[in-house]
Protein backbone atom coordinates (compact mmCIF):
# COMPACT_ATOMS: atom_id res chain seq x y z
CA UNK A 1 75.68 124.36 136.21
CA UNK A 2 72.40 123.42 133.42
CA UNK A 3 73.14 124.24 130.32
CA UNK A 4 71.25 127.40 128.37
CA UNK A 5 68.44 126.26 126.45
CA UNK A 6 68.50 127.30 121.95
CA UNK A 7 65.83 130.41 122.48
CA UNK A 8 65.03 132.70 119.61
CA UNK A 9 63.88 136.95 120.77
CA UNK A 10 60.32 135.70 121.28
CA UNK A 11 60.27 132.89 123.08
CA UNK A 12 62.35 134.99 126.02
CA UNK A 13 60.20 137.73 124.99
CA UNK A 14 56.90 135.15 125.88
CA UNK A 15 59.01 132.76 128.98
CA UNK A 16 59.31 136.78 130.53
CA UNK A 17 55.56 137.95 130.52
CA UNK A 18 54.75 134.82 132.23
CA UNK A 19 56.73 136.62 135.28
CA UNK A 20 54.87 139.45 134.69
CA UNK A 21 57.41 141.63 132.31
CA UNK A 22 55.00 143.93 130.20
CA UNK A 23 56.26 144.88 126.33
CA UNK A 24 57.29 148.51 126.67
CA UNK A 25 58.36 149.43 123.15
CA UNK A 26 61.08 148.29 120.27
CA UNK A 27 63.63 149.90 118.62
CA UNK A 28 64.35 148.04 115.74
CA UNK A 29 65.07 144.75 116.35
CA UNK A 30 65.01 144.90 120.09
CA UNK A 31 62.19 144.61 122.43
CA UNK A 32 62.27 145.96 125.82
CA UNK A 33 60.11 144.34 128.97
CA UNK A 34 59.10 147.17 131.68
CA UNK A 35 58.49 145.07 135.06
CA UNK A 36 54.83 145.59 135.98
CA UNK A 37 55.69 146.14 138.77
CA UNK A 38 58.07 147.67 141.36
CA UNK A 39 61.47 148.69 140.90
CA UNK A 40 60.80 148.73 137.39
CA UNK A 41 62.96 147.28 136.15
CA UNK A 42 64.32 147.50 132.21
CA UNK A 43 65.38 144.21 130.31
CA UNK A 44 66.18 144.49 126.54
CA UNK A 45 65.70 141.25 124.01
CA UNK A 46 67.59 141.35 120.57
CA UNK A 47 64.31 140.08 118.37
CA UNK A 48 67.18 137.83 117.13
CA UNK A 49 66.39 133.43 115.35
CA UNK A 50 68.89 132.89 118.01
CA UNK A 51 69.75 134.46 121.21
CA UNK A 52 73.40 133.84 121.96
CA UNK A 53 74.66 131.82 125.18
CA UNK A 54 75.79 135.08 126.39
CA UNK A 55 73.04 137.89 125.19
CA UNK A 56 70.98 134.70 127.49
CA UNK A 57 73.00 134.93 130.33
CA UNK A 58 73.17 138.88 131.10
CA UNK A 59 69.02 138.96 130.58
CA UNK A 60 68.91 135.96 132.80
CA UNK A 61 70.86 137.58 135.88
CA UNK A 62 69.67 141.21 134.80
CA UNK A 63 65.89 139.47 136.01
CA UNK A 64 67.14 137.46 138.77
CA UNK A 65 66.34 133.90 137.18
CA UNK A 66 68.85 130.59 137.23
CA UNK A 67 68.89 129.04 133.77
CA UNK A 68 66.93 125.99 136.06
CA UNK A 69 63.89 128.90 136.28
CA UNK A 70 64.00 129.82 133.05
CA UNK A 71 63.52 125.98 131.33
CA UNK A 72 61.07 125.53 134.17
CA UNK A 73 59.19 128.72 132.67
CA UNK A 74 59.87 127.77 129.41
């Protein structure tokens, strides 16, 4: 298993936008993204300087990406 990169919330949002996720809205320090094609999945990304490994792993699992695929998108 490849180590997760240390990324900020904004970097995660930019990477997910490359795979057809759009910013739906922001509530406080959390950015909610929505998939542009069915099923319109939603994922919440904390707008922090550094995303913890467990949170990042959960986000990647929700959008269906592996660690290696995420590294390629970055």
